[in-house]
Structures are given as C-alpha cells and as structure tokens.
Amino acid sequence: SEESSEKEAQSGLPSKFDGPSLRAWREKKKVSLDAIAHSTKICKSHLQAIEENVISRLPARVYLKGFLKQYALCLDLNPNMVAADYMRRIHKN
C-alpha cells in the first residue's frame, strides 16, 4: 500500500528488496555476513549469491524463500515483504 511505502521511506528502510539494496541495508545496520550465516545457519555462499543477485548460485525457490525470510529477520525487515519482492524481481529475468 502507499501508506506502508511512505512509512518505509520515512524510516530509511529500503524501498525495494533486491540483492544490492539488502546488502546496503545490512551494511547500514553494521551486521556482517558471517553473523547472519552464524545465526541463520545459511551458508555464506548462498547469502553472497542473494546479495549479488547471482541467480545461477541461488538455491531452489522453496529454500530461497526461507533464506530470504531468515535474512530479513536478522536485519529487522518484514520477512514476507522481502521474500515476495526479491522473488518477484529475480524471476522477471
């Protein structure tokens, strides 16, 4: 909704959830990929593939969706919004 987009813009949250904007948000929050890998038990190479939008290195969709939600939770982002937006963006290609 427009209202939630406005709230996000005011709070400085990313307006889109692709790899580069997720990485920028993670860096802004000063959270390392190692810390996310440790707390989510997701291997670092998958996290890097997510942040770099390297579709060929991403896991199967069902796993990717779960990984995105875990990643989002580590960064205080809405897990369903992150997963849905990311999946929509990469599957356009």
C-alpha atoms as a PDB file:
ATOM      1  CA  SER A   1       0.000   0.000   0.000  1.00  0.00           C
ATOM      2  CA  GLU A   2       1.059   3.603  -0.477  1.00  0.00           C
ATOM      3  CA  GLU A   3       0.851   4.231   3.238  1.00  0.00           C
ATOM      4  CA  SER A   4       3.342   1.475   4.084  1.00  0.00           C
ATOM      5  CA  SER A   5       5.697   2.684   1.314  1.00  0.00           C
ATOM      6  CA  GLU A   6       5.614   6.163   2.827  1.00  0.00           C
ATOM      7  CA  LYS A   7       6.343   4.829   6.297  1.00  0.00           C
ATOM      8  CA  GLU A   8       9.287   2.867   4.924  1.00  0.00           C
ATOM      9  CA  ALA A   9      10.659   5.883   3.104  1.00  0.00           C
ATOM     10  CA  GLN A  10      10.481   7.892   6.327  1.00  0.00           C
ATOM     11  CA  SER A  11      12.189   5.188   8.356  1.00  0.00           C
ATOM     12  CA  GLY A  12      15.032   4.872   5.850  1.00  0.00           C
ATOM     13  CA  LEU A  13      14.128   1.265   5.047  1.00  0.00           C
ATOM     14  CA  PRO A  14      14.883   0.018   1.539  1.00  0.00           C
ATOM     15  CA  SER A  15      12.087   0.711  -0.953  1.00  0.00           C
ATOM     16  CA  LYS A  16      12.917  -2.447  -2.880  1.00  0.00           C
ATOM     17  CA  PHE A  17      14.410  -5.732  -1.823  1.00  0.00           C
ATOM     18  CA  ASP A  18      16.947  -6.836  -4.389  1.00  0.00           C
ATOM     19  CA  GLY A  19      20.425  -8.064  -3.555  1.00  0.00           C
ATOM     20  CA  PRO A  20      22.261  -4.719  -3.619  1.00  0.00           C
ATOM     21  CA  SER A  21      19.661  -2.905  -1.518  1.00  0.00           C
ATOM     22  CA  LEU A  22      19.643  -5.770   1.009  1.00  0.00           C
ATOM     23  CA  ARG A  23      23.443  -5.597   1.240  1.00  0.00           C
ATOM     24  CA  ALA A  24      23.345  -1.808   1.656  1.00  0.00           C
ATOM     25  CA  TRP A  25      20.788  -2.197   4.474  1.00  0.00           C
ATOM     26  CA  ARG A  26      22.897  -4.902   6.162  1.00  0.00           C
ATOM     27  CA  GLU A  27      25.977  -2.658   5.992  1.00  0.00           C
ATOM     28  CA  LYS A  28      23.988   0.281   7.339  1.00  0.00           C
ATOM     29  CA  LYS A  29      22.921  -1.904  10.289  1.00  0.00           C
ATOM     30  CA  LYS A  30      26.600  -2.944  10.725  1.00  0.00           C
ATOM     31  CA  VAL A  31      25.806  -6.663  10.554  1.00  0.00           C
ATOM     32  CA  SER A  32      28.391  -8.936   8.924  1.00  0.00           C
ATOM     33  CA  LEU A  33      27.517 -11.730   6.528  1.00  0.00           C
ATOM     34  CA  ASP A  34      29.322 -14.050   8.934  1.00  0.00           C
ATOM     35  CA  ALA A  35      26.950 -13.006  11.727  1.00  0.00           C
ATOM     36  CA  ILE A  36      23.909 -13.700   9.540  1.00  0.00           C
ATOM     37  CA  ALA A  37      25.361 -17.028   8.403  1.00  0.00           C
ATOM     38  CA  HIS A  38      26.001 -17.972  12.022  1.00  0.00           C
ATOM     39  CA  SER A  39      22.569 -17.020  13.359  1.00  0.00           C
ATOM     40  CA  THR A  40      20.576 -18.441  10.423  1.00  0.00           C
ATOM     41  CA  LYS A  41      22.797 -21.463   9.663  1.00  0.00           C
ATOM     42  CA  ILE A  42      22.634 -20.424   5.983  1.00  0.00           C
ATOM     43  CA  CYS A  43      25.954 -20.918   4.231  1.00  0.00           C
ATOM     44  CA  LYS A  44      27.757 -17.716   3.413  1.00  0.00           C
ATOM     45  CA  SER A  45      27.960 -18.522  -0.305  1.00  0.00           C
ATOM     46  CA  HIS A  46      24.145 -18.559  -0.523  1.00  0.00           C
ATOM     47  CA  LEU A  47      23.965 -15.240   1.322  1.00  0.00           C
ATOM     48  CA  GLN A  48      26.525 -13.757  -1.071  1.00  0.00           C
ATOM     49  CA  ALA A  49      24.573 -15.049  -4.068  1.00  0.00           C
ATOM     50  CA  ILE A  50      21.424 -13.415  -2.664  1.00  0.00           C
ATOM     51  CA  GLU A  51      23.179 -10.064  -2.182  1.00  0.00           C
ATOM     52  CA  GLU A  52      24.790 -10.211  -5.615  1.00  0.00           C
ATOM     53  CA  ASN A  53      21.623 -11.416  -7.418  1.00  0.00           C
ATOM     54  CA  VAL A  54      23.602 -14.355  -8.845  1.00  0.00           C
ATOM     55  CA  ILE A  55      20.624 -16.414  -9.881  1.00  0.00           C
ATOM     56  CA  SER A  56      22.731 -19.394 -11.014  1.00  0.00           C
ATOM     57  CA  ARG A  57      24.151 -19.772  -7.476  1.00  0.00           C
ATOM     58  CA  LEU A  58      20.846 -19.413  -5.632  1.00  0.00           C
ATOM     59  CA  PRO A  59      19.217 -22.455  -4.037  1.00  0.00           C
ATOM     60  CA  ALA A  60      15.869 -23.864  -5.185  1.00  0.00           C
ATOM     61  CA  ARG A  61      12.980 -21.396  -4.864  1.00  0.00           C
ATOM     62  CA  VAL A  62      11.470 -23.060  -1.796  1.00  0.00           C
ATOM     63  CA  TYR A  63      14.802 -22.768   0.063  1.00  0.00           C
ATOM     64  CA  LEU A  64      15.499 -19.299  -1.255  1.00  0.00           C
ATOM     65  CA  LYS A  65      12.211 -18.017   0.120  1.00  0.00           C
ATOM     66  CA  GLY A  66      13.044 -19.377   3.576  1.00  0.00           C
ATOM     67  CA  PHE A  67      16.591 -17.995   3.410  1.00  0.00           C
ATOM     68  CA  LEU A  68      15.288 -14.549   2.473  1.00  0.00           C
ATOM     69  CA  LYS A  69      12.876 -14.570   5.406  1.00  0.00           C
ATOM     70  CA  GLN A  70      15.635 -15.557   7.839  1.00  0.00           C
ATOM     71  CA  TYR A  71      17.948 -12.903   6.401  1.00  0.00           C
ATOM     72  CA  ALA A  72      15.205 -10.276   6.702  1.00  0.00           C
ATOM     73  CA  LEU A  73      14.536 -11.155  10.344  1.00  0.00           C
ATOM     74  CA  CYS A  74      18.237 -10.686  11.168  1.00  0.00           C
ATOM     75  CA  LEU A  75      18.003  -7.147   9.792  1.00  0.00           C
ATOM     76  CA  ASP A  76      14.640  -6.144  11.307  1.00  0.00           C
ATOM     77  CA  LEU A  77      12.920  -6.204   7.924  1.00  0.00           C
ATOM     78  CA  ASN A  78       9.486  -7.633   7.140  1.00  0.00           C
ATOM     79  CA  PRO A  79      10.278 -11.226   6.093  1.00  0.00           C
ATOM     80  CA  ASN A  80       7.229 -11.703   3.867  1.00  0.00           C
ATOM     81  CA  MET A  81       7.767  -8.418   2.025  1.00  0.00           C
ATOM     82  CA  VAL A  82      11.469  -9.119   1.484  1.00  0.00           C
ATOM     83  CA  ALA A  83      10.869 -12.655   0.201  1.00  0.00           C
ATOM     84  CA  ALA A  84       7.977 -11.684  -2.076  1.00  0.00           C
ATOM     85  CA  ASP A  85       9.714  -8.634  -3.571  1.00  0.00           C
ATOM     86  CA  TYR A  86      13.044 -10.398  -4.093  1.00  0.00           C
ATOM     87  CA  MET A  87      11.412 -13.436  -5.701  1.00  0.00           C
ATOM     88  CA  ARG A  88       9.343 -11.217  -7.986  1.00  0.00           C
ATOM     89  CA  ARG A  89      12.432  -9.278  -9.084  1.00  0.00           C
ATOM     90  CA  ILE A  90      14.710 -12.203  -9.815  1.00  0.00           C
ATOM     91  CA  HIS A  91      12.083 -14.263 -11.609  1.00  0.00           C
ATOM     92  CA  LYS A  92      11.452 -11.473 -14.102  1.00  0.00           C
ATOM     93  CA  ASN A  93      14.839 -12.321 -15.639  1.00  0.00           C
END
